[in-house]
Amino acid sequence: MAWADYTTLLAYGAGIILFFFLIRVLYSPIKVVLRIGYTAIVGALALWAINLVGNVFGFHFPVNLVTALITGYLGVPGLGLIVAVKALVQ
């Protein structure tokens, strides 16, 4: 084997080690972002379902990122918070 073959092998090895290091470092932040996205989707679906039923009774909640995150993260108390804020504003 020539010297160039060893340097190529060493470069590939260093690249693989760097790849696994980056995956390990970025795993936690990616997990947090995915969890936030999941709660936003669940909150938006909950608000959509409430708005679907609420149209019969004449109330409506805005579905945006803030209300979806509040509802998804806090659940029923978050929905109560949105109702209270809406009652104070109107």
Protein backbone atom coordinates (compact mmCIF):
# COMPACT_ATOMS: atom_id res chain seq x y z
CA MET A 1 0.00 0.00 0.00
CA ALA A 2 1.15 3.47 -0.81
CA TRP A 3 1.21 6.37 1.64
CA ALA A 4 -1.78 8.00 -0.14
CA ASP A 5 -3.91 4.97 0.64
CA TYR A 6 -3.19 5.33 4.37
CA THR A 7 -4.03 9.04 4.36
CA THR A 8 -7.28 8.35 2.53
CA LEU A 9 -8.14 5.65 5.05
CA LEU A 10 -7.27 8.02 7.90
CA ALA A 11 -9.43 10.77 6.38
CA TYR A 12 -12.41 8.42 6.05
CA GLY A 13 -11.94 7.26 9.64
CA ALA A 14 -11.78 10.86 10.90
CA GLY A 15 -14.90 11.70 8.89
CA ILE A 16 -16.83 8.79 10.37
CA ILE A 17 -15.76 9.76 13.90
CA LEU A 18 -16.77 13.39 13.24
CA PHE A 19 -20.13 12.25 11.86
CA PHE A 20 -20.93 10.21 14.97
CA PHE A 21 -19.76 13.06 17.21
CA LEU A 22 -22.08 15.53 15.44
CA ILE A 23 -25.00 13.12 15.68
CA ARG A 24 -24.39 12.76 19.42
CA VAL A 25 -24.12 16.53 19.96
CA LEU A 26 -27.17 17.41 17.84
CA TYR A 27 -29.44 14.58 19.07
CA SER A 28 -30.74 16.42 22.13
CA PRO A 29 -31.67 19.72 20.39
CA ILE A 30 -33.35 17.85 17.54
CA LYS A 31 -35.35 15.83 20.06
CA VAL A 32 -36.53 19.05 21.76
CA VAL A 33 -37.56 20.61 18.43
CA LEU A 34 -39.49 17.48 17.46
CA ARG A 35 -41.26 17.43 20.84
CA ILE A 36 -42.28 21.10 20.43
CA GLY A 37 -43.55 20.37 16.93
CA TYR A 38 -45.54 17.40 18.21
CA THR A 39 -47.21 19.47 20.94
CA ALA A 40 -48.03 22.22 18.44
CA ILE A 41 -49.69 19.70 16.11
CA VAL A 42 -51.67 18.13 18.95
CA GLY A 43 -52.76 21.57 20.18
CA ALA A 44 -53.80 22.67 16.69
CA LEU A 45 -55.84 19.49 16.23
CA ALA A 46 -57.50 20.01 19.61
CA LEU A 47 -58.37 23.62 18.75
CA TRP A 48 -59.68 22.53 15.36
CA ALA A 49 -61.95 19.94 17.01
CA ILE A 50 -63.19 22.50 19.55
CA ASN A 51 -63.86 25.01 16.77
CA LEU A 52 -65.75 22.35 14.83
CA VAL A 53 -68.08 21.76 17.78
CA GLY A 54 -68.01 25.43 18.81
CA ASN A 55 -69.47 26.63 15.51
CA VAL A 56 -72.77 25.11 16.61
CA PHE A 57 -72.73 27.18 19.80
CA GLY A 58 -71.22 30.32 18.28
CA PHE A 59 -67.68 30.45 19.67
CA HIS A 60 -64.38 30.22 17.90
CA PHE A 61 -60.73 30.14 18.99
CA PRO A 62 -57.96 31.30 16.68
CA VAL A 63 -55.65 28.53 15.58
CA ASN A 64 -52.12 29.91 15.39
CA LEU A 65 -48.73 28.83 16.66
CA VAL A 66 -49.08 30.44 20.09
CA THR A 67 -52.54 29.06 20.86
CA ALA A 68 -51.58 25.64 19.49
CA LEU A 69 -48.45 25.50 21.67
CA ILE A 70 -50.34 26.66 24.77
CA THR A 71 -53.11 24.12 24.23
CA GLY A 72 -50.73 21.31 23.30
CA TYR A 73 -48.29 21.88 26.15
CA LEU A 74 -50.69 22.79 28.96
CA GLY A 75 -53.70 20.77 27.85
CA VAL A 76 -57.06 21.62 29.41
CA PRO A 77 -55.63 24.36 31.69
CA GLY A 78 -54.06 25.94 28.61
CA LEU A 79 -57.43 25.91 26.91
CA GLY A 80 -58.89 27.57 30.01
CA LEU A 81 -56.17 30.20 29.78
CA ILE A 82 -57.09 30.92 26.16
CA VAL A 83 -60.77 31.16 27.10
CA ALA A 84 -59.93 33.59 29.93
CA VAL A 85 -57.77 35.78 27.70
CA LYS A 86 -60.46 35.81 25.03
CA ALA A 87 -63.08 36.80 27.64
CA LEU A 88 -60.85 39.62 28.92
CA VAL A 89 -60.14 40.96 25.46
CA GLN A 90 -63.76 40.99 24.28
